[in-house]
Each structure stands twice: as structure tokens, then as C-alpha cells.
Amino acid sequence: MASSRACDRQTDSSRAGSDKGLASAFYFRNAKTNRPQDCPQVKKALPLRAIEAFEAFGRRGSVTAAAEELGVSVGAVSQQIRKAEDALGLSLLERRGRSVALTSWGRTYHAAVSSGFEQLRDAQHIVERARSESALTISCLPSLASKWLAPRLLDWQTVHAGATVRLIGAEQEPRFGDDQVDFRISYGAKVHEFDHYAELFTDWVVPACAPGLLANRPLKRPSDILDFPLLGIEWARDHQSPPSWAEWAHGIGASHRRTSGEVAFSLSSAAIDAAINGKGFVLAQLSMAAEDIASGRLIVPFNERVRLPGAYFLAWDRAALDKPFGPELRAWVVSISKRLDAS
């Protein structure tokens, strides 16, 4: 065929075996004229196993060490390196006495590929470390963390003995991937800051106080509560506050008579603790006060409830579900919240 071509490799025979002699030129020879023409670049599939064997040899310094690292035979490493040489059309190794060393082309090529393999090894270590690390970090609004989640979390860990959970009470919303947080429990419109989330429950508030507060002042009707010291709750401006005493009074058809002793807390848990200590009535969230009510530390003289305007939700980093116990923890939080929502 007139258009047929053959690609030849020419080397300096006087320098055969030396590093410089390995710098080969490639030509196409015209079938008719036999005159050399530039050989165009041909895209070939990279022999990754061959390059991996060569990189290991260059880094470890011997075929034996490379074979041990890769878990193959010495002959397999030598064969793969020859494949790399065939793909490149260059000699990458040369024998020096009883040892084998990189040629100048080999050193150039190894410097180029070694950084890429180092990045691959780093990526592998990052993923392995993340998957093997059993610790799961939950960021939660402080009052909900201390009054609702923490007591129940201990029960979950008893069942999942191999799990380690770190609970952080925080008002600020975390940034998954940057703040080393796997799960976030928050409230209301903040849900829109996350890609993956599930609604947990919508809470209620009820008027609660310590039993001793009513020892000498029995109540006849719900509106009598408004004559006692009232403990208010005003959350930070990032979240819409829970129902106020004015809203509760409106719900029972009474007017809110503000007393001089009324105090507002930014933390719901602090207001509940103050009520337990006999300082007044609090509009306690059922999620946070359930154990105190069950134990008798708080009493609810009238079950006049007001629903919170927003719902609590659980958000998660997608990578958290690849961690040990990540899916189990998510499913458990959702399940206990549904029981609360149905109460």
C-alpha cells in the first residue's frame, strides 16, 4: 500500500546502554521514499499496573522491595516495568553490576508520576481513616441536647457498645465538611441551610412549676397561674422564640398581667431549672421537661398546651452515613422523635 507507514525508533548505537543512548527519536517512514517523517502522537490507554510497579521500584529502590509492597512476585514487577517501557518506547531501568537503577529517562518519568501516586495514597488514607473512625459528632441546640437527647443517648450507646458519640451543644449552625460535625439537630427555618434532613417533631409548652410553689397557694383555675412569678423564655434572634406567657394567656381567654418579678431566659433549660428550684412557673417544652414531670420535680396543674410555631429537624452530612453506626444513629433519632410527636 502506497500510504502504509512504519514507525521506527532510532537510537545512538555508539551510546547504547548509557542514559543518553536511551533518548530515542521516533519517525514514520514513507513506504515509497523510506524517508523519515515526524511520528504523530497516538493516545494510548495508560498501563496503570505497569506504572504502579515502576513507581514502587523507584520509591523503594529495588525490585524485591517493590514486589513486597505490591504483594506480587519479583518476576511480575519486572514484567510490568517492561510493559511500561514498551508503552513509552524508552528504557527506564539499566543494570549496573549486580544492581538495577533508573536511567535518566526513568528518573524524569518517576519524578512526574510519583507525585500523582502520593496523592492517591493520601486520598486512600483519608477515606480509610474516616471509615474506620467510629466517633460520630452531633451538634444540637443546647437545651434540647441537655434535656432531651443526652439522657436517651446513653441508652443508645448501651445497645451499640462499639460506637463513640460526641454531643456538642451549639446555637450556631455548623457547616458540614468544615466543622467536623456529622449530624445537626436544630429548629425552624434553619432547615433550609442543609441538603439532607428529616423533620423530627413539633413541640408543645405547658405551664409547670415545682410542687412546693403551690403548697400554700392552691389553684382554682388556669388563669390563677398568672398571679405567680412567671419565668419567660426568649431565644436568640436566630430562632423564633417559643410561645410566650401572653400567648398562653390569650389561649385560655385571660389577659397577661405582667408581674414585677418576671424574668426571661435565653436558654429553655435554664428556665426549667429555675422552675424546679421553686422560682416560678415556666412554659416548659414537653420534650425537655418530660423526665422532670415524670419524676415529680415539676408538676403541671392544668394541661393547657400551646404548640410551637416551628418543628425540630435532624440534618446530616452525607458522608456520616458511610461511618460505622452512622445510619443506625440517624434512624434512632428519627424513631424516638416520632414517639414524642405522637404524644
Protein backbone atom coordinates (compact mmCIF):
# COMPACT_ATOMS: atom_id res chain seq x y z
CA MET A 1 0.00 0.00 0.00
CA ALA A 2 1.39 3.38 -1.01
CA SER A 3 0.14 5.08 2.11
CA SER A 4 1.46 2.47 4.51
CA ARG A 5 3.86 3.73 7.16
CA ALA A 6 6.03 2.16 9.79
CA CYS A 7 7.12 3.88 12.98
CA ASP A 8 10.82 3.26 13.70
CA ARG A 9 12.86 4.04 16.80
CA GLN A 10 16.40 5.24 16.17
CA THR A 11 19.00 5.25 18.91
CA ASP A 12 22.57 6.36 19.07
CA SER A 13 24.30 2.97 18.80
CA SER A 14 27.58 4.43 19.98
CA ARG A 15 25.90 5.25 23.30
CA ALA A 16 23.80 2.12 23.60
CA GLY A 17 23.31 1.17 27.23
CA SER A 18 24.00 4.69 28.52
CA ASP A 19 21.35 7.06 29.80
CA LYS A 20 21.80 9.40 26.84
CA GLY A 21 21.52 6.49 24.45
CA LEU A 22 18.03 5.88 25.76
CA ALA A 23 16.81 9.19 24.37
CA SER A 24 15.22 7.71 21.24
CA ALA A 25 13.71 9.50 18.27
CA PHE A 26 10.54 8.28 16.61
CA TYR A 27 9.85 8.57 12.92
CA PHE A 28 7.29 7.44 10.40
CA ARG A 29 8.97 6.18 7.27
CA ASN A 30 7.14 6.66 4.00
CA ALA A 31 6.67 3.29 2.33
CA LYS A 32 7.70 4.66 -1.08
CA THR A 33 10.51 7.05 -0.27
CA ASN A 34 11.72 5.43 3.00
CA ARG A 35 12.32 8.99 4.24
CA PRO A 36 11.55 9.71 7.90
CA GLN A 37 8.59 11.84 8.87
CA ASP A 38 7.56 13.06 12.33
CA CYS A 39 5.65 10.43 14.28
CA PRO A 40 2.29 11.89 15.40
CA GLN A 41 1.17 11.49 18.99
CA VAL A 42 -1.07 8.49 19.45
CA LYS A 43 -3.32 8.35 22.51
CA LYS A 44 -2.94 5.03 24.27
CA ALA A 45 -4.55 3.62 27.34
CA LEU A 46 -2.19 4.09 30.27
CA PRO A 47 -0.86 0.79 31.62
CA LEU A 48 -1.63 1.72 35.23
CA ARG A 49 -0.41 -1.53 36.76
CA ALA A 50 2.85 -1.15 34.90
CA ILE A 51 3.25 2.45 36.02
CA GLU A 52 2.40 1.45 39.60
CA ALA A 53 5.14 -1.20 39.55
CA PHE A 54 7.65 1.27 38.14
CA GLU A 55 6.70 3.92 40.73
CA ALA A 56 7.12 1.42 43.56
CA PHE A 57 10.53 0.38 42.25
CA GLY A 58 11.73 3.97 42.00
CA ARG A 59 10.50 4.79 45.50
CA ARG A 60 11.68 1.61 47.22
CA GLY A 61 14.95 1.24 45.30
CA SER A 62 14.73 -2.42 44.34
CA VAL A 63 12.51 -4.87 42.51
CA THR A 64 12.31 -7.07 45.59
CA ALA A 65 11.06 -4.26 47.83
CA ALA A 66 8.55 -3.17 45.20
CA ALA A 67 7.26 -6.73 44.91
CA GLU A 68 6.82 -6.99 48.70
CA GLU A 69 4.86 -3.73 48.81
CA LEU A 70 2.58 -4.68 45.94
CA GLY A 71 2.12 -8.26 47.12
CA VAL A 72 3.32 -9.82 43.87
CA SER A 73 6.38 -11.74 42.70
CA VAL A 74 9.66 -10.20 41.63
CA GLY A 75 9.06 -11.53 38.13
CA ALA A 76 5.67 -9.83 37.99
CA VAL A 77 7.21 -6.45 38.87
CA SER A 78 9.90 -6.87 36.20
CA GLN A 79 7.27 -7.82 33.64
CA GLN A 80 5.12 -4.80 34.46
CA ILE A 81 8.08 -2.43 34.22
CA ARG A 82 8.88 -3.86 30.77
CA LYS A 83 5.28 -3.10 29.78
CA ALA A 84 5.77 0.50 30.89
CA GLU A 85 8.95 0.70 28.82
CA ASP A 86 7.16 -0.74 25.79
CA ALA A 87 4.34 1.77 26.16
CA LEU A 88 6.79 4.67 26.37
CA GLY A 89 9.33 3.34 23.89
CA LEU A 90 12.07 4.09 26.41
CA SER A 91 14.36 2.18 28.72
CA LEU A 92 13.51 3.16 32.28
CA LEU A 93 15.97 0.86 34.06
CA GLU A 94 19.57 -0.12 33.50
CA ARG A 95 21.74 -2.74 35.13
CA ARG A 96 24.81 -1.54 36.99
CA GLY A 97 26.79 -4.55 38.01
CA ARG A 98 24.52 -6.60 40.23
CA SER A 99 22.07 -3.77 40.83
CA VAL A 100 19.37 -2.12 38.75
CA ALA A 101 18.93 1.66 38.68
CA LEU A 102 16.82 4.27 36.96
CA THR A 103 18.06 5.72 33.71
CA SER A 104 17.89 9.47 33.16
CA TRP A 105 14.54 8.96 31.44
CA GLY A 106 13.49 6.77 34.32
CA ARG A 107 14.33 9.48 36.83
CA THR A 108 12.42 12.07 34.82
CA TYR A 109 9.38 9.84 34.46
CA HIS A 110 9.43 8.76 38.10
CA ALA A 111 9.51 12.37 39.31
CA ALA A 112 6.41 13.04 37.22
CA VAL A 113 4.34 10.03 38.27
CA SER A 114 5.38 9.76 41.93
CA SER A 115 3.50 12.90 42.99
CA GLY A 116 0.32 11.53 41.46
CA PHE A 117 0.63 8.23 43.30
CA GLU A 118 1.37 10.08 46.52
CA GLN A 119 -1.90 11.97 46.12
CA LEU A 120 -3.73 8.69 45.52
CA ARG A 121 -2.21 7.20 48.67
CA ASP A 122 -3.18 10.28 50.67
CA ALA A 123 -6.75 10.05 49.38
CA GLN A 124 -6.87 6.37 50.31
CA HIS A 125 -5.66 7.12 53.83
CA ILE A 126 -8.23 9.90 54.27
CA VAL A 127 -11.11 7.62 53.28
CA GLU A 128 -9.85 4.68 55.34
CA ARG A 129 -9.37 6.88 58.39
CA ALA A 130 -12.85 8.37 58.02
CA ARG A 131 -14.47 4.96 57.64
CA SER A 132 -12.54 3.36 60.49
CA GLU A 133 -13.19 6.24 62.87
CA SER A 134 -16.24 5.20 64.84
CA ALA A 135 -16.76 8.56 66.55
CA LEU A 136 -19.92 10.37 65.46
CA THR A 137 -20.38 14.04 66.27
CA ILE A 138 -23.84 15.51 66.87
CA SER A 139 -24.35 19.25 67.10
CA CYS A 140 -27.60 20.13 68.86
CA LEU A 141 -29.30 23.20 70.29
CA PRO A 142 -28.00 23.37 73.90
CA SER A 143 -31.26 22.99 75.84
CA LEU A 144 -32.52 20.17 73.65
CA ALA A 145 -29.14 18.47 73.95
CA SER A 146 -29.06 18.51 77.74
CA LYS A 147 -32.75 17.94 78.49
CA TRP A 148 -33.85 15.60 75.70
CA LEU A 149 -31.06 13.98 73.71
CA ALA A 150 -28.28 13.36 76.23
CA PRO A 151 -30.27 11.15 78.66
CA ARG A 152 -31.55 8.99 75.80
CA LEU A 153 -28.22 8.85 74.01
CA LEU A 154 -26.71 6.89 76.88
CA ASP A 155 -29.33 4.19 76.35
CA TRP A 156 -28.49 4.01 72.64
CA GLN A 157 -24.79 3.61 73.35
CA THR A 158 -25.55 0.73 75.69
CA VAL A 159 -27.07 -1.15 72.76
CA HIS A 160 -24.32 -0.05 70.34
CA ALA A 161 -21.30 -0.74 72.52
CA GLY A 162 -18.76 -0.11 69.76
CA ALA A 163 -20.00 3.39 68.98
CA THR A 164 -18.50 6.61 70.26
CA VAL A 165 -20.71 9.70 70.09
CA ARG A 166 -19.64 13.27 70.76
CA LEU A 167 -22.52 15.60 71.63
CA ILE A 168 -21.98 19.33 71.17
CA GLY A 169 -24.44 21.93 72.43
CA ALA A 170 -24.31 24.86 70.00
CA GLU A 171 -26.62 27.64 68.84
CA GLN A 172 -24.73 28.29 65.62
CA GLU A 173 -25.44 26.06 62.65
CA PRO A 174 -22.39 24.01 61.59
CA ARG A 175 -21.02 23.69 58.09
CA PHE A 176 -20.72 20.03 57.19
CA GLY A 177 -17.29 19.21 55.83
CA ASP A 178 -15.66 22.17 57.57
CA ASP A 179 -16.69 21.84 61.22
CA GLN A 180 -16.19 18.08 61.67
CA VAL A 181 -19.86 17.55 62.52
CA ASP A 182 -21.84 14.55 61.28
CA PHE A 183 -25.37 15.41 62.46
CA ARG A 184 -27.20 18.58 63.46
CA ILE A 185 -30.45 18.92 65.40
CA SER A 186 -31.93 22.38 65.04
CA TYR A 187 -35.22 24.23 64.76
CA GLY A 188 -37.45 26.06 62.34
CA ALA A 189 -36.33 27.78 59.17
CA LYS A 190 -32.69 26.80 59.71
CA VAL A 191 -33.57 23.53 57.98
CA HIS A 192 -33.09 25.25 54.63
CA GLU A 193 -29.36 25.62 55.27
CA PHE A 194 -28.85 21.86 54.81
CA ASP A 195 -29.07 19.46 51.87
CA HIS A 196 -30.12 16.33 53.77
CA TYR A 197 -32.60 16.48 56.63
CA ALA A 198 -35.71 14.95 58.18
CA GLU A 199 -38.37 16.57 60.33
CA LEU A 200 -38.39 15.24 63.89
CA PHE A 201 -41.27 16.71 65.90
CA THR A 202 -43.21 19.85 66.73
CA ASP A 203 -43.14 20.52 70.46
CA TRP A 204 -45.70 21.88 72.92
CA VAL A 205 -45.33 24.03 76.02
CA VAL A 206 -47.28 23.55 79.26
CA PRO A 207 -47.27 25.60 82.50
CA ALA A 208 -45.11 23.78 85.04
CA CYS A 209 -43.72 24.51 88.49
CA ALA A 210 -42.15 22.83 91.49
CA PRO A 211 -44.68 21.16 93.83
CA GLY A 212 -43.57 23.36 96.71
CA LEU A 213 -44.65 26.51 94.90
CA LEU A 214 -48.31 25.54 95.34
CA ALA A 215 -48.04 24.23 98.90
CA ASN A 216 -49.82 27.23 100.41
CA ARG A 217 -51.49 28.64 97.30
CA PRO A 218 -53.84 26.16 95.65
CA LEU A 219 -55.05 26.91 92.14
CA LYS A 220 -58.73 27.02 91.20
CA ARG A 221 -58.47 27.86 87.51
CA PRO A 222 -55.69 28.13 84.86
CA SER A 223 -55.68 31.93 84.98
CA ASP A 224 -54.56 31.78 88.63
CA ILE A 225 -51.11 30.81 87.32
CA LEU A 226 -50.67 34.36 86.06
CA ASP A 227 -50.58 35.59 89.66
CA PHE A 228 -47.33 33.69 90.30
CA PRO A 229 -43.80 34.66 89.25
CA LEU A 230 -43.54 33.81 85.58
CA LEU A 231 -40.30 32.62 84.00
CA GLY A 232 -40.08 33.73 80.38
CA ILE A 233 -38.01 32.30 77.55
CA GLU A 234 -36.66 34.44 74.73
CA TRP A 235 -34.37 32.63 72.33
CA ALA A 236 -31.60 34.29 70.38
CA ARG A 237 -32.78 36.15 67.31
CA ASP A 238 -31.62 33.31 65.02
CA HIS A 239 -34.69 31.32 66.09
CA GLN A 240 -38.32 32.29 66.63
CA SER A 241 -38.95 32.09 70.38
CA PRO A 242 -41.38 29.56 71.86
CA PRO A 243 -44.87 30.69 72.92
CA SER A 244 -44.86 33.48 75.49
CA TRP A 245 -46.99 33.89 78.58
CA ALA A 246 -49.05 36.45 76.70
CA GLU A 247 -49.86 33.84 74.03
CA TRP A 248 -50.66 31.24 76.64
CA ALA A 249 -52.96 33.69 78.48
CA HIS A 250 -54.70 34.54 75.23
CA GLY A 251 -55.27 30.84 74.61
CA ILE A 252 -57.16 30.40 77.89
CA GLY A 253 -59.12 33.61 77.43
CA ALA A 254 -57.26 35.62 80.08
CA SER A 255 -55.15 38.74 79.95
CA HIS A 256 -51.46 38.56 80.72
CA ARG A 257 -50.78 40.54 83.87
CA ARG A 258 -47.03 41.13 83.80
CA THR A 259 -45.55 40.91 87.28
CA SER A 260 -42.53 42.80 88.54
CA GLY A 261 -40.72 39.54 89.24
CA GLU A 262 -40.94 38.16 85.69
CA VAL A 263 -37.56 37.02 84.33
CA ALA A 264 -36.68 35.96 80.77
CA PHE A 265 -34.06 33.31 79.96
CA SER A 266 -32.30 32.75 76.65
CA LEU A 267 -31.95 29.03 77.39
CA SER A 268 -35.05 26.93 77.89
CA SER A 269 -33.10 24.55 80.10
CA ALA A 270 -32.14 27.38 82.46
CA ALA A 271 -35.78 28.44 82.80
CA ILE A 272 -36.83 24.85 83.53
CA ASP A 273 -34.11 24.50 86.16
CA ALA A 274 -35.26 27.75 87.78
CA ALA A 275 -38.80 26.39 87.96
CA ILE A 276 -37.54 23.15 89.53
CA ASN A 277 -35.87 25.30 92.17
CA GLY A 278 -39.20 26.93 93.02
CA LYS A 279 -38.62 30.30 91.36
CA GLY A 280 -41.91 30.38 89.47
CA PHE A 281 -43.91 28.91 86.63
CA VAL A 282 -42.32 28.10 83.29
CA LEU A 283 -43.87 27.30 79.94
CA ALA A 284 -41.89 24.10 79.67
CA GLN A 285 -41.44 22.24 76.42
CA LEU A 286 -42.66 18.68 76.81
CA SER A 287 -39.56 17.30 75.07
CA MET A 288 -37.31 18.94 77.65
CA ALA A 289 -39.42 18.61 80.80
CA ALA A 290 -40.81 15.09 80.35
CA GLU A 291 -38.39 13.45 82.77
CA ASP A 292 -38.78 16.20 85.38
CA ILE A 293 -42.56 15.86 85.19
CA ALA A 294 -42.40 12.07 85.37
CA SER A 295 -40.12 12.21 88.42
CA GLY A 296 -42.28 14.77 90.23
CA ARG A 297 -39.70 17.53 90.19
CA LEU A 298 -42.20 19.52 88.16
CA ILE A 299 -45.98 19.40 88.14
CA VAL A 300 -48.46 20.57 85.51
CA PRO A 301 -51.58 21.76 87.36
CA PHE A 302 -53.52 22.45 84.14
CA ASN A 303 -52.73 20.76 80.84
CA GLU A 304 -53.29 23.90 78.77
CA ARG A 305 -50.87 23.44 75.87
CA VAL A 306 -49.62 25.77 73.16
CA ARG A 307 -47.89 24.38 70.09
CA LEU A 308 -44.54 25.77 68.97
CA PRO A 309 -44.62 27.60 65.61
CA GLY A 310 -41.85 25.51 64.06
CA ALA A 311 -40.55 21.95 64.03
CA TYR A 312 -37.27 20.45 65.10
CA PHE A 313 -35.29 18.61 62.44
CA LEU A 314 -32.27 16.37 62.02
CA ALA A 315 -29.75 17.22 59.29
CA TRP A 316 -26.74 15.13 58.34
CA ASP A 317 -23.62 15.14 56.27
CA ARG A 318 -23.93 12.51 53.53
CA ALA A 319 -20.51 11.13 54.49
CA ALA A 320 -21.78 10.41 58.01
CA LEU A 321 -23.87 7.55 56.65
CA ASP A 322 -20.69 5.81 55.48
CA LYS A 323 -19.29 5.77 59.01
CA PRO A 324 -19.84 2.83 61.34
CA PHE A 325 -23.12 3.30 63.24
CA GLY A 326 -24.00 6.42 61.21
CA PRO A 327 -27.19 5.01 59.63
CA GLU A 328 -28.21 3.42 62.93
CA LEU A 329 -27.84 6.68 64.83
CA ARG A 330 -29.89 8.61 62.28
CA ALA A 331 -32.68 6.02 62.33
CA TRP A 332 -32.73 6.01 66.13
CA VAL A 333 -33.02 9.80 66.47
CA VAL A 334 -35.90 9.83 63.99
CA SER A 335 -37.67 6.96 65.77
CA ILE A 336 -37.56 8.48 69.27
CA SER A 337 -38.73 11.82 67.93
CA LYS A 338 -41.75 10.25 66.26
CA ARG A 339 -42.81 8.77 69.57
CA LEU A 340 -42.60 12.24 71.08
CA ASP A 341 -44.55 13.80 68.22
CA ALA A 342 -47.35 11.29 68.76
CA SER A 343 -47.67 12.00 72.49
